[in-house]
N, C-alpha and C. Protein backbone atom coordinates (compact mmCIF):
# COMPACT_ATOMS: atom_id res chain seq x y z
N MET A 1 14.70 -11.45 14.02
CA MET A 1 13.87 -12.30 14.85
C MET A 1 14.75 -12.90 15.94
N PRO A 2 14.32 -12.81 17.20
CA PRO A 2 15.12 -13.37 18.29
C PRO A 2 15.16 -14.90 18.21
N ALA A 3 16.18 -15.45 18.80
CA ALA A 3 16.34 -16.90 18.80
C ALA A 3 15.25 -17.55 19.64
N ILE A 4 14.81 -18.71 19.20
CA ILE A 4 13.82 -19.49 19.95
C ILE A 4 14.58 -20.31 20.97
N ARG A 5 14.22 -20.14 22.23
CA ARG A 5 14.99 -20.75 23.32
C ARG A 5 14.34 -21.98 23.96
N SER A 6 13.09 -22.23 23.62
CA SER A 6 12.44 -23.39 24.23
C SER A 6 11.40 -23.97 23.28
N LEU A 7 10.97 -25.16 23.60
CA LEU A 7 9.94 -25.82 22.83
C LEU A 7 8.61 -25.08 22.96
N ASP A 8 8.35 -24.51 24.12
CA ASP A 8 7.13 -23.73 24.32
C ASP A 8 7.10 -22.50 23.42
N GLU A 9 8.22 -21.82 23.28
CA GLU A 9 8.29 -20.66 22.39
C GLU A 9 8.03 -21.07 20.95
N LEU A 10 8.57 -22.21 20.54
CA LEU A 10 8.35 -22.72 19.20
C LEU A 10 6.88 -23.05 18.98
N ARG A 11 6.24 -23.68 19.94
CA ARG A 11 4.81 -24.00 19.83
C ARG A 11 3.97 -22.73 19.73
N LYS A 12 4.31 -21.74 20.55
CA LYS A 12 3.57 -20.48 20.51
C LYS A 12 3.72 -19.81 19.14
N LEU A 13 4.92 -19.81 18.61
CA LEU A 13 5.16 -19.24 17.29
C LEU A 13 4.37 -19.98 16.22
N LYS A 14 4.32 -21.30 16.33
CA LYS A 14 3.56 -22.11 15.37
C LYS A 14 2.07 -21.79 15.46
N GLU A 15 1.54 -21.67 16.67
CA GLU A 15 0.13 -21.35 16.84
C GLU A 15 -0.21 -19.98 16.25
N GLU A 16 0.66 -19.00 16.46
CA GLU A 16 0.44 -17.66 15.90
C GLU A 16 0.42 -17.71 14.37
N ALA A 17 1.34 -18.47 13.79
CA ALA A 17 1.39 -18.59 12.33
C ALA A 17 0.13 -19.27 11.80
N LEU A 18 -0.34 -20.29 12.48
CA LEU A 18 -1.56 -20.98 12.06
C LEU A 18 -2.78 -20.07 12.17
N GLU A 19 -2.84 -19.26 13.21
CA GLU A 19 -3.94 -18.30 13.37
C GLU A 19 -3.95 -17.28 12.24
N LYS A 20 -2.76 -16.79 11.88
CA LYS A 20 -2.67 -15.84 10.78
C LYS A 20 -3.14 -16.48 9.48
N ARG A 21 -2.73 -17.72 9.26
CA ARG A 21 -3.13 -18.43 8.04
C ARG A 21 -4.64 -18.63 8.02
N LYS A 22 -5.21 -19.01 9.16
CA LYS A 22 -6.65 -19.23 9.24
C LYS A 22 -7.41 -17.92 9.00
N ALA A 23 -6.94 -16.84 9.57
CA ALA A 23 -7.59 -15.54 9.39
C ALA A 23 -7.54 -15.13 7.92
N LYS A 24 -6.42 -15.41 7.27
CA LYS A 24 -6.27 -15.05 5.86
C LYS A 24 -7.23 -15.84 4.99
N ALA A 25 -7.49 -17.09 5.34
CA ALA A 25 -8.33 -17.96 4.53
C ALA A 25 -9.82 -17.83 4.86
N THR A 26 -10.15 -17.05 5.87
CA THR A 26 -11.54 -16.90 6.25
C THR A 26 -12.34 -16.31 5.10
N SER A 27 -13.45 -16.93 4.81
CA SER A 27 -14.29 -16.49 3.71
C SER A 27 -14.72 -15.04 3.92
N GLY A 28 -14.64 -14.26 2.86
CA GLY A 28 -15.04 -12.87 2.92
C GLY A 28 -13.92 -11.93 3.31
N ARG A 29 -12.85 -12.46 3.81
CA ARG A 29 -11.71 -11.61 4.20
C ARG A 29 -11.04 -11.11 2.93
N ILE A 30 -10.80 -9.84 2.85
CA ILE A 30 -10.23 -9.24 1.65
C ILE A 30 -8.91 -8.57 1.99
N GLN A 31 -7.89 -8.85 1.19
CA GLN A 31 -6.60 -8.20 1.35
C GLN A 31 -6.26 -7.43 0.09
N VAL A 32 -5.90 -6.18 0.26
CA VAL A 32 -5.48 -5.33 -0.84
C VAL A 32 -4.04 -4.94 -0.56
N THR A 33 -3.13 -5.27 -1.46
CA THR A 33 -1.72 -4.97 -1.29
C THR A 33 -1.27 -4.00 -2.37
N VAL A 34 -0.61 -2.93 -1.94
CA VAL A 34 -0.10 -1.92 -2.86
C VAL A 34 1.41 -1.98 -2.87
N ALA A 35 2.01 -2.11 -4.06
CA ALA A 35 3.47 -2.13 -4.18
C ALA A 35 3.98 -0.70 -3.99
N MET A 36 4.78 -0.51 -2.93
CA MET A 36 5.25 0.83 -2.58
C MET A 36 6.77 0.91 -2.62
N GLY A 37 7.36 0.21 -3.60
CA GLY A 37 8.80 0.35 -3.81
C GLY A 37 9.06 1.71 -4.44
N THR A 38 10.30 2.06 -4.60
CA THR A 38 10.66 3.37 -5.17
C THR A 38 10.01 3.59 -6.53
N CYS A 39 10.02 2.56 -7.36
CA CYS A 39 9.43 2.69 -8.70
C CYS A 39 7.93 2.88 -8.61
N GLY A 40 7.28 2.19 -7.69
CA GLY A 40 5.84 2.33 -7.52
C GLY A 40 5.45 3.71 -7.02
N ILE A 41 6.20 4.20 -6.05
CA ILE A 41 5.92 5.53 -5.52
C ILE A 41 6.10 6.58 -6.61
N ALA A 42 7.17 6.45 -7.38
CA ALA A 42 7.42 7.40 -8.47
C ALA A 42 6.31 7.36 -9.52
N ALA A 43 5.69 6.19 -9.70
CA ALA A 43 4.64 6.04 -10.70
C ALA A 43 3.25 6.43 -10.18
N GLY A 44 3.13 6.69 -8.86
CA GLY A 44 1.85 7.13 -8.31
C GLY A 44 1.19 6.20 -7.32
N ALA A 45 1.96 5.30 -6.72
CA ALA A 45 1.38 4.34 -5.77
C ALA A 45 0.77 5.01 -4.54
N ARG A 46 1.34 6.14 -4.10
CA ARG A 46 0.77 6.83 -2.94
C ARG A 46 -0.66 7.30 -3.23
N GLU A 47 -0.87 7.84 -4.42
CA GLU A 47 -2.20 8.30 -4.79
C GLU A 47 -3.17 7.13 -4.89
N ALA A 48 -2.70 6.00 -5.42
CA ALA A 48 -3.55 4.81 -5.49
C ALA A 48 -3.89 4.33 -4.08
N MET A 49 -2.91 4.33 -3.19
CA MET A 49 -3.15 3.92 -1.80
C MET A 49 -4.17 4.84 -1.13
N ARG A 50 -4.01 6.14 -1.33
CA ARG A 50 -4.97 7.10 -0.75
C ARG A 50 -6.39 6.84 -1.27
N ALA A 51 -6.50 6.57 -2.55
CA ALA A 51 -7.82 6.30 -3.14
C ALA A 51 -8.43 5.03 -2.56
N ILE A 52 -7.62 4.01 -2.34
CA ILE A 52 -8.10 2.75 -1.75
C ILE A 52 -8.58 3.00 -0.32
N LEU A 53 -7.76 3.67 0.47
CA LEU A 53 -8.14 3.96 1.86
C LEU A 53 -9.38 4.84 1.92
N ASN A 54 -9.48 5.81 1.03
CA ASN A 54 -10.64 6.68 0.98
C ASN A 54 -11.90 5.89 0.61
N ALA A 55 -11.79 4.96 -0.34
CA ALA A 55 -12.93 4.13 -0.75
C ALA A 55 -13.42 3.28 0.42
N ILE A 56 -12.49 2.76 1.20
CA ILE A 56 -12.86 1.95 2.36
C ILE A 56 -13.59 2.81 3.39
N GLU A 57 -13.07 4.01 3.62
CA GLU A 57 -13.67 4.91 4.60
C GLU A 57 -15.04 5.41 4.16
N THR A 58 -15.14 5.89 2.93
CA THR A 58 -16.41 6.46 2.47
C THR A 58 -17.50 5.41 2.32
N SER A 59 -17.13 4.18 2.02
CA SER A 59 -18.12 3.10 1.89
C SER A 59 -18.30 2.32 3.18
N SER A 60 -17.56 2.69 4.22
CA SER A 60 -17.62 2.00 5.51
C SER A 60 -17.44 0.49 5.36
N LEU A 61 -16.45 0.10 4.55
CA LEU A 61 -16.17 -1.31 4.33
C LEU A 61 -15.50 -1.91 5.55
N SER A 62 -15.88 -3.12 5.89
CA SER A 62 -15.21 -3.83 6.98
C SER A 62 -14.64 -5.13 6.42
N GLY A 63 -13.68 -5.68 7.11
CA GLY A 63 -13.07 -6.93 6.66
C GLY A 63 -12.07 -6.76 5.54
N VAL A 64 -11.65 -5.53 5.27
CA VAL A 64 -10.66 -5.27 4.23
C VAL A 64 -9.35 -4.88 4.90
N VAL A 65 -8.30 -5.63 4.60
CA VAL A 65 -6.97 -5.35 5.13
C VAL A 65 -6.14 -4.77 4.00
N VAL A 66 -5.58 -3.58 4.23
CA VAL A 66 -4.74 -2.94 3.23
C VAL A 66 -3.29 -3.07 3.70
N ARG A 67 -2.46 -3.55 2.81
CA ARG A 67 -1.04 -3.74 3.11
C ARG A 67 -0.21 -3.06 2.05
N GLN A 68 1.04 -2.86 2.38
CA GLN A 68 1.97 -2.38 1.37
C GLN A 68 3.17 -3.31 1.34
N THR A 69 3.79 -3.37 0.18
CA THR A 69 4.96 -4.21 -0.02
C THR A 69 5.97 -3.41 -0.83
N GLY A 70 7.12 -3.96 -1.01
CA GLY A 70 8.15 -3.31 -1.80
C GLY A 70 7.96 -3.57 -3.28
N CYS A 71 9.02 -3.43 -4.02
CA CYS A 71 8.99 -3.62 -5.47
C CYS A 71 8.60 -5.06 -5.81
N MET A 72 7.76 -5.21 -6.82
CA MET A 72 7.34 -6.54 -7.26
C MET A 72 8.10 -7.00 -8.49
N GLY A 73 9.04 -6.18 -8.95
CA GLY A 73 9.88 -6.57 -10.07
C GLY A 73 9.28 -6.33 -11.44
N MET A 74 8.18 -5.60 -11.48
CA MET A 74 7.54 -5.29 -12.76
C MET A 74 7.39 -3.77 -12.87
N CYS A 75 8.50 -3.10 -12.85
CA CYS A 75 8.51 -1.63 -12.76
C CYS A 75 7.71 -0.96 -13.87
N GLU A 76 7.71 -1.54 -15.04
CA GLU A 76 6.99 -0.94 -16.16
C GLU A 76 5.47 -0.97 -15.97
N LEU A 77 4.98 -1.76 -15.02
CA LEU A 77 3.54 -1.88 -14.77
C LEU A 77 3.09 -1.18 -13.49
N GLU A 78 4.00 -0.48 -12.84
CA GLU A 78 3.66 0.22 -11.60
C GLU A 78 2.72 1.38 -11.87
N PRO A 79 1.94 1.75 -10.90
CA PRO A 79 1.68 1.16 -9.60
C PRO A 79 0.92 -0.17 -9.72
N ILE A 80 1.28 -1.10 -8.87
CA ILE A 80 0.68 -2.43 -8.88
C ILE A 80 -0.14 -2.61 -7.60
N VAL A 81 -1.34 -3.17 -7.77
CA VAL A 81 -2.23 -3.47 -6.64
C VAL A 81 -2.68 -4.91 -6.78
N GLN A 82 -2.62 -5.65 -5.67
CA GLN A 82 -3.10 -7.03 -5.67
C GLN A 82 -4.33 -7.12 -4.77
N VAL A 83 -5.31 -7.92 -5.20
CA VAL A 83 -6.53 -8.13 -4.43
C VAL A 83 -6.71 -9.63 -4.22
N GLU A 84 -6.91 -9.99 -2.97
CA GLU A 84 -7.15 -11.40 -2.64
C GLU A 84 -8.40 -11.47 -1.77
N VAL A 85 -9.36 -12.24 -2.22
CA VAL A 85 -10.61 -12.42 -1.49
C VAL A 85 -10.68 -13.85 -1.00
N GLY A 86 -10.62 -14.03 0.33
CA GLY A 86 -10.67 -15.37 0.90
C GLY A 86 -9.57 -16.25 0.34
N THR A 87 -9.98 -17.41 -0.17
CA THR A 87 -9.01 -18.36 -0.70
C THR A 87 -8.93 -18.32 -2.23
N THR A 88 -9.59 -17.35 -2.86
CA THR A 88 -9.53 -17.25 -4.32
C THR A 88 -8.13 -16.81 -4.74
N PRO A 89 -7.75 -17.08 -5.98
CA PRO A 89 -6.42 -16.67 -6.44
C PRO A 89 -6.25 -15.15 -6.37
N THR A 90 -5.04 -14.73 -6.11
CA THR A 90 -4.72 -13.31 -6.05
C THR A 90 -4.79 -12.72 -7.45
N ILE A 91 -5.43 -11.57 -7.57
CA ILE A 91 -5.52 -10.85 -8.83
C ILE A 91 -4.57 -9.67 -8.75
N THR A 92 -3.72 -9.52 -9.76
CA THR A 92 -2.74 -8.44 -9.79
C THR A 92 -3.12 -7.45 -10.87
N TYR A 93 -3.25 -6.19 -10.45
CA TYR A 93 -3.61 -5.10 -11.36
C TYR A 93 -2.39 -4.22 -11.60
N GLY A 94 -2.24 -3.73 -12.82
CA GLY A 94 -1.12 -2.87 -13.16
C GLY A 94 -1.56 -1.50 -13.65
N LYS A 95 -0.62 -0.55 -13.54
CA LYS A 95 -0.84 0.85 -13.95
C LYS A 95 -2.09 1.42 -13.28
N VAL A 96 -2.14 1.24 -11.96
CA VAL A 96 -3.31 1.64 -11.17
C VAL A 96 -3.19 3.10 -10.75
N THR A 97 -3.98 3.93 -11.39
CA THR A 97 -4.09 5.34 -11.00
C THR A 97 -5.10 5.44 -9.85
N ALA A 98 -5.28 6.64 -9.32
CA ALA A 98 -6.27 6.83 -8.26
C ALA A 98 -7.67 6.48 -8.77
N GLU A 99 -7.99 6.87 -9.99
CA GLU A 99 -9.30 6.55 -10.57
C GLU A 99 -9.48 5.05 -10.75
N ARG A 100 -8.44 4.40 -11.23
CA ARG A 100 -8.51 2.94 -11.41
C ARG A 100 -8.60 2.23 -10.06
N ALA A 101 -7.94 2.77 -9.05
CA ALA A 101 -8.03 2.19 -7.71
C ALA A 101 -9.47 2.25 -7.21
N LYS A 102 -10.16 3.37 -7.44
CA LYS A 102 -11.57 3.48 -7.06
C LYS A 102 -12.40 2.45 -7.81
N GLN A 103 -12.10 2.29 -9.10
CA GLN A 103 -12.82 1.30 -9.91
C GLN A 103 -12.61 -0.11 -9.36
N ILE A 104 -11.37 -0.45 -9.02
CA ILE A 104 -11.06 -1.77 -8.46
C ILE A 104 -11.81 -1.98 -7.15
N MET A 105 -11.82 -0.96 -6.31
CA MET A 105 -12.52 -1.08 -5.02
C MET A 105 -14.02 -1.26 -5.24
N ASN A 106 -14.59 -0.50 -6.17
CA ASN A 106 -16.04 -0.60 -6.41
C ASN A 106 -16.43 -1.91 -7.08
N GLU A 107 -15.70 -2.28 -8.11
CA GLU A 107 -16.08 -3.46 -8.89
C GLU A 107 -15.60 -4.77 -8.28
N HIS A 108 -14.33 -4.84 -7.90
CA HIS A 108 -13.79 -6.12 -7.42
C HIS A 108 -14.04 -6.32 -5.92
N VAL A 109 -13.57 -5.37 -5.12
CA VAL A 109 -13.66 -5.54 -3.67
C VAL A 109 -15.12 -5.52 -3.20
N THR A 110 -15.89 -4.55 -3.67
CA THR A 110 -17.28 -4.44 -3.23
C THR A 110 -18.21 -5.33 -4.06
N GLY A 111 -18.02 -5.32 -5.38
CA GLY A 111 -18.94 -6.04 -6.26
C GLY A 111 -18.57 -7.47 -6.60
N GLY A 112 -17.34 -7.86 -6.32
CA GLY A 112 -16.93 -9.23 -6.59
C GLY A 112 -16.60 -9.53 -8.05
N ARG A 113 -16.48 -8.49 -8.88
CA ARG A 113 -16.19 -8.67 -10.30
C ARG A 113 -14.77 -8.18 -10.60
N VAL A 114 -13.95 -9.05 -11.15
CA VAL A 114 -12.58 -8.69 -11.52
C VAL A 114 -12.62 -7.67 -12.65
N VAL A 115 -11.78 -6.64 -12.56
CA VAL A 115 -11.68 -5.61 -13.60
C VAL A 115 -10.68 -6.13 -14.63
N LYS A 116 -11.17 -6.89 -15.58
CA LYS A 116 -10.32 -7.66 -16.49
C LYS A 116 -9.34 -6.82 -17.31
N ASP A 117 -9.74 -5.61 -17.71
CA ASP A 117 -8.86 -4.81 -18.56
C ASP A 117 -7.66 -4.23 -17.80
N LEU A 118 -7.63 -4.35 -16.48
CA LEU A 118 -6.50 -3.86 -15.68
C LEU A 118 -5.61 -4.98 -15.14
N VAL A 119 -6.02 -6.23 -15.34
CA VAL A 119 -5.31 -7.38 -14.77
C VAL A 119 -3.98 -7.62 -15.51
N ILE A 120 -2.94 -7.88 -14.74
CA ILE A 120 -1.66 -8.31 -15.29
C ILE A 120 -1.76 -9.82 -15.44
N PRO A 121 -1.68 -10.34 -16.66
CA PRO A 121 -1.82 -11.79 -16.83
C PRO A 121 -0.66 -12.56 -16.21
N ASN A 122 -0.97 -13.74 -15.69
CA ASN A 122 0.08 -14.63 -15.15
C ASN A 122 0.89 -15.19 -16.29
N LYS A 123 2.20 -15.31 -16.05
CA LYS A 123 3.07 -15.84 -17.10
C LYS A 123 3.38 -17.28 -16.85
């Protein structure tokens, strides 16, 4: 990140950060994050990602942002997918195959029901 050289640059950066935060908290906004670290990819994260993107395309879903991240530190539970709807708590799913990704998209993202048997419990 380049150095901030003026107060105006700092204000602009602050405004951009606030806009991102506001967009994230907007009701109905859905974020799906796929862990794409080496362990996740080896466990099938690419296939899960393809299934998620395909579900969005075939269902013509709007307002869904798909992101990828690195390793989440739970290699034994990879592939890992997180779903966040508006300001509700983030739900983390483990051992997500392509079929399970479709299930998550249909039940949680589209239907609003958490797929409880796939959730990684908070510690």
